[in-house]
Protein backbone atom coordinates (compact mmCIF):
# COMPACT_ATOMS: atom_id res chain seq x y z
CA MET A 1 129.48 88.44 98.83
CA ARG A 2 130.80 91.55 97.09
CA SER A 3 128.82 90.79 93.93
CA PHE A 4 125.62 90.21 95.88
CA LEU A 5 126.16 93.43 97.84
CA GLY A 6 126.60 95.36 94.59
CA PHE A 7 123.42 93.80 93.23
CA GLU A 8 121.42 94.79 96.32
CA VAL A 9 122.78 98.35 96.29
CA ARG A 10 121.93 98.83 92.61
CA ARG A 11 118.45 97.40 93.11
CA SER A 12 117.73 99.62 96.12
CA LEU A 13 118.97 102.81 94.51
CA SER A 14 117.18 102.20 91.20
CA SER A 15 113.70 101.67 92.69
CA PRO A 16 111.39 104.59 91.76
CA VAL A 17 108.84 103.39 94.33
CA ASN A 18 111.38 103.80 97.11
CA LEU A 19 112.25 107.31 95.97
CA VAL A 20 108.62 108.43 95.80
CA PHE A 21 107.76 106.93 99.18
CA LEU A 22 110.92 108.00 101.00
CA ALA A 23 111.25 111.47 99.49
CA GLY A 24 108.00 112.49 97.82
CA PHE A 25 105.71 111.92 100.79
CA PRO A 26 108.04 113.63 103.33
CA VAL A 27 108.36 116.63 101.00
CA LEU A 28 104.56 116.90 100.76
CA LEU A 29 104.25 116.70 104.54
CA TYR A 30 106.97 119.34 104.94
CA LEU A 31 105.10 121.73 102.65
CA LEU A 32 101.81 120.94 104.42
CA TRP A 33 103.19 121.61 107.91
CA THR A 34 105.08 124.78 106.98
CA LYS A 35 103.24 126.39 104.06
CA VAL A 36 99.62 125.33 104.47
CA LEU A 37 98.96 124.68 108.17
CA ASP A 38 101.87 126.73 109.57
CA LEU A 39 102.41 124.21 112.37
CA ALA A 40 106.22 124.12 112.42
CA SER A 41 109.22 126.21 111.50
CA GLY A 42 110.82 125.52 108.15
CA PRO A 43 114.24 124.26 109.27
CA VAL A 44 112.92 122.07 112.09
CA SER A 45 110.22 120.52 109.92
CA MET A 46 112.72 119.97 107.12
CA VAL A 47 114.98 117.95 109.43
CA SER A 48 111.99 116.09 110.87
CA MET A 49 110.70 115.05 107.45
CA ALA A 50 114.16 114.05 106.22
CA THR A 51 114.53 111.88 109.32
CA TYR A 52 111.02 110.52 108.82
CA GLY A 53 111.73 109.41 105.25
CA ALA A 54 115.09 107.90 106.14
CA MET A 55 113.58 106.07 109.10
CA GLY A 56 110.96 104.52 106.84
CA GLY A 57 113.57 103.40 104.34
CA ALA A 58 115.61 101.74 107.06
CA LEU A 59 112.60 100.02 108.62
CA PHE A 60 111.31 98.62 105.35
CA ILE A 61 114.42 96.51 104.95
CA GLY A 62 112.31 94.05 106.92
CA GLY A 63 109.56 93.99 104.33
CA ALA A 64 112.02 93.00 101.61
CA ILE A 65 113.48 90.23 103.78
CA ALA A 66 110.03 88.85 104.63
CA MET A 67 108.88 88.85 101.01
CA GLU A 68 112.04 87.11 99.86
CA ARG A 69 111.68 84.52 102.59
CA ALA A 70 108.12 83.84 101.44
CA SER A 71 109.09 83.63 97.75
CA GLY A 72 111.81 81.05 98.34
CA TRP A 73 114.63 83.38 97.28
CA LEU A 74 116.57 82.68 100.47
CA ARG A 75 116.41 78.95 99.83
CA GLN A 76 117.98 79.56 96.44
CA LEU A 77 120.71 81.68 97.99
CA ALA A 78 121.41 78.87 100.45
CA VAL A 79 122.98 76.79 97.66
CA THR A 80 125.34 79.60 96.62
CA PRO A 81 128.71 80.48 98.20
CA LEU A 82 127.09 83.48 99.93
CA PRO A 83 127.62 83.09 103.70
CA ALA A 84 124.51 83.11 105.87
CA HIS A 85 125.36 86.48 107.44
CA GLY A 86 126.20 87.95 104.03
CA TYR A 87 122.55 88.32 103.11
CA ILE A 88 121.76 90.40 106.19
CA VAL A 89 124.88 92.53 105.80
CA ALA A 90 124.02 93.22 102.16
CA LYS A 91 120.45 94.16 103.06
CA LEU A 92 121.60 96.49 105.82
CA VAL A 93 124.22 98.23 103.69
CA ALA A 94 121.94 98.54 100.65
CA GLY A 95 119.04 99.75 102.76
CA MET A 96 121.10 102.37 104.56
CA LEU A 97 122.59 103.64 101.29
CA ALA A 98 119.14 103.80 99.71
CA VAL A 99 117.91 106.34 102.26
CA LEU A 100 120.60 108.90 101.42
CA PRO A 101 118.99 110.19 98.18
CA SER A 102 115.70 110.80 99.99
CA VAL A 103 117.48 112.75 102.74
CA VAL A 104 119.20 114.95 100.18
CA ILE A 105 115.94 115.53 98.26
CA VAL A 106 114.03 116.59 101.38
CA LEU A 107 116.81 118.93 102.44
CA ALA A 108 116.94 120.37 98.92
CA ALA A 109 113.18 120.94 99.06
CA GLY A 110 113.67 122.86 102.28
CA ALA A 111 116.23 125.11 100.63
CA LEU A 112 114.51 125.55 97.26
CA LEU A 113 110.82 125.44 98.16
CA GLY A 114 110.85 126.39 101.83
CA GLY A 115 113.46 129.12 101.71
CA VAL A 116 115.57 127.52 104.48
CA ARG A 117 118.93 129.23 104.81
CA LEU A 118 121.72 127.63 106.83
CA PRO A 119 125.53 127.87 107.02
CA ALA A 120 127.36 125.72 104.50
CA GLY A 121 128.82 123.55 107.25
CA THR A 122 125.35 122.77 108.60
CA TRP A 123 124.13 121.69 105.16
CA LEU A 124 127.10 119.35 104.89
CA VAL A 125 126.69 117.72 108.30
CA LEU A 126 122.90 117.33 108.30
CA PRO A 127 122.70 114.37 105.85
CA LEU A 128 125.36 112.48 107.80
CA LEU A 129 123.69 113.06 111.18
CA ILE A 130 120.27 112.04 109.88
CA TRP A 131 121.74 108.95 108.24
CA ILE A 132 123.53 107.87 111.42
CA GLY A 133 120.43 108.53 113.50
CA VAL A 134 118.26 106.01 111.63
CA ALA A 135 120.68 103.09 112.11
CA PRO A 136 118.53 101.56 114.92
CA PHE A 137 115.62 101.26 112.52
CA ALA A 138 117.63 99.23 110.04
CA ALA A 139 118.32 96.71 112.82
CA LEU A 140 114.64 96.74 113.79
CA GLY A 141 113.71 96.17 110.15
CA VAL A 142 115.84 93.01 110.06
CA ALA A 143 114.11 91.77 113.20
CA PHE A 144 110.71 92.36 111.58
CA GLY A 145 111.84 90.58 108.43
CA TYR A 146 112.61 87.43 110.39
CA SER A 147 109.59 87.75 112.69
CA PHE A 148 106.81 88.08 110.11
CA ARG A 149 106.10 86.54 106.73
CA GLY A 150 105.19 88.15 103.44
CA GLN A 151 102.87 91.12 103.46
CA SER A 152 102.35 90.87 107.22
CA ALA A 153 105.83 92.32 107.74
CA ASN A 154 104.96 95.41 105.68
CA ILE A 155 101.73 95.96 107.59
CA VAL A 156 103.39 95.66 111.00
CA THR A 157 106.26 97.86 109.85
CA MET A 158 103.90 100.56 108.59
CA VAL A 159 102.02 100.66 111.90
CA VAL A 160 105.23 100.80 113.95
CA PHE A 161 106.70 103.37 111.58
CA PHE A 162 103.71 105.66 112.00
CA LEU A 163 103.56 105.29 115.79
CA LEU A 164 107.29 105.90 116.26
CA ALA A 165 107.23 108.94 113.98
CA VAL A 166 104.34 110.52 115.88
CA LEU A 167 105.75 109.60 119.29
CA GLY A 168 109.18 110.90 118.32
CA GLY A 169 107.91 114.35 117.42
CA LEU A 170 108.67 114.05 113.71
CA TRP A 171 105.15 115.10 112.73
CA LEU A 172 104.38 117.53 115.52
CA PRO A 173 106.70 118.88 118.22
CA VAL A 174 107.04 116.83 121.40
CA SER A 175 106.51 120.05 123.35
CA ARG A 176 102.81 119.89 122.43
CA MET A 177 102.38 116.47 124.05
CA PRO A 178 101.11 115.87 127.60
CA GLU A 179 103.95 115.92 130.12
CA GLY A 180 103.87 112.18 130.88
CA LEU A 181 103.92 111.22 127.22
CA ARG A 182 106.66 113.76 126.57
CA VAL A 183 109.06 111.91 128.89
CA VAL A 184 108.45 108.66 127.02
CA ALA A 185 108.77 110.40 123.66
CA GLU A 186 112.12 111.95 124.51
CA HIS A 187 113.60 108.50 125.08
CA SER A 188 112.24 107.06 121.86
CA PRO A 189 114.67 106.29 119.02
CA ALA A 190 112.78 108.52 116.59
CA TYR A 191 113.04 111.57 118.84
CA GLN A 192 116.73 111.06 119.48
CA ALA A 193 117.37 110.50 115.78
CA GLY A 194 115.62 113.77 115.01
CA SER A 195 117.44 115.60 117.78
CA LEU A 196 120.77 115.07 116.04
CA GLY A 197 119.62 117.26 113.18
CA TRP A 198 117.59 119.68 115.29
CA ARG A 199 120.62 120.51 117.41
CA ALA A 200 122.78 120.90 114.32
CA LEU A 201 120.44 123.69 113.17
CA ASP A 202 121.64 125.67 116.19
CA GLY A 203 125.26 124.72 115.60
CA LEU A 204 125.26 122.31 118.55
CA PRO A 205 126.78 118.80 118.65
CA PRO A 206 124.74 115.74 119.68
CA THR A 207 124.24 115.34 123.41
CA GLY A 208 125.63 112.39 125.31
CA THR A 209 122.07 111.35 126.09
CA SER A 210 121.20 111.17 122.40
CA VAL A 211 124.23 109.04 121.63
CA LEU A 212 123.61 106.67 124.54
CA VAL A 213 119.91 106.27 123.80
CA LEU A 214 120.52 105.59 120.10
CA VAL A 215 123.30 103.11 120.89
CA ALA A 216 121.08 101.36 123.42
CA TRP A 217 118.15 101.06 120.98
CA THR A 218 120.48 99.87 118.24
CA ALA A 219 121.98 97.20 120.50
CA LEU A 220 118.52 96.06 121.59
CA PHE A 221 117.27 95.78 118.02
CA VAL A 222 120.44 94.00 116.89
CA VAL A 223 120.00 91.42 119.65
CA LEU A 224 116.35 91.00 118.66
CA GLY A 225 117.28 90.63 115.01
CA VAL A 226 120.00 88.06 115.72
CA TRP A 227 117.62 86.06 117.92
CA ARG A 228 114.90 86.03 115.26
CA TYR A 229 117.43 85.19 112.55
CA ARG A 230 118.74 82.20 114.48
CA ARG A 231 115.23 80.89 115.05
CA THR A 232 114.38 81.08 111.36
CA ALA A 233 117.86 80.56 109.90
CA TRP A 234 117.76 79.75 106.23
CA ARG A 235 121.01 77.88 106.30
């Protein structure tokens, strides 16, 4: 399992497509919101876009799983010593590690291009908080990977990704939403993931609500992923 994990990590980190999608697009949106349209403050938008990119990277674990299921790769792995759960663990670990470079790039863009200035301690803690906050989406990605086949998984993931990002206030502040929608948004996983970094900008720790909501969403998505995996088990 260790060899397969190393292979997956190297493959995820070496993909230029992943880096462009997970870092390049969020950086462009950050510059659009803050420099062109002036719709959000630099630090808040920087955290939002870093969370947005990391969330996408975690979710699209599912697309890789679905494509490999369709190609027959999992059937080939079934005849190796790799345990059945080892594939999912490797995908989760590799996917979560792959989002870290994009987080760092977006934060660097905020500092170098957006003129964001923060205490050294805040710069150090932001990548970790953003990374932890997107854990629920990695679990959801696994569930998608075992729920849909081939390109269908990527299409569904893209739609869900976009809707969650908008609902969670990563594109525009939740405060601009209608009151009823705002209540729903504030309990979404994307909003609570973003709130970890937003509060850190003010030197504040995560709230108990944020932790509980993120844990609850993660548990729900893990259960969903395990259920889908067992129904389509490759071994």
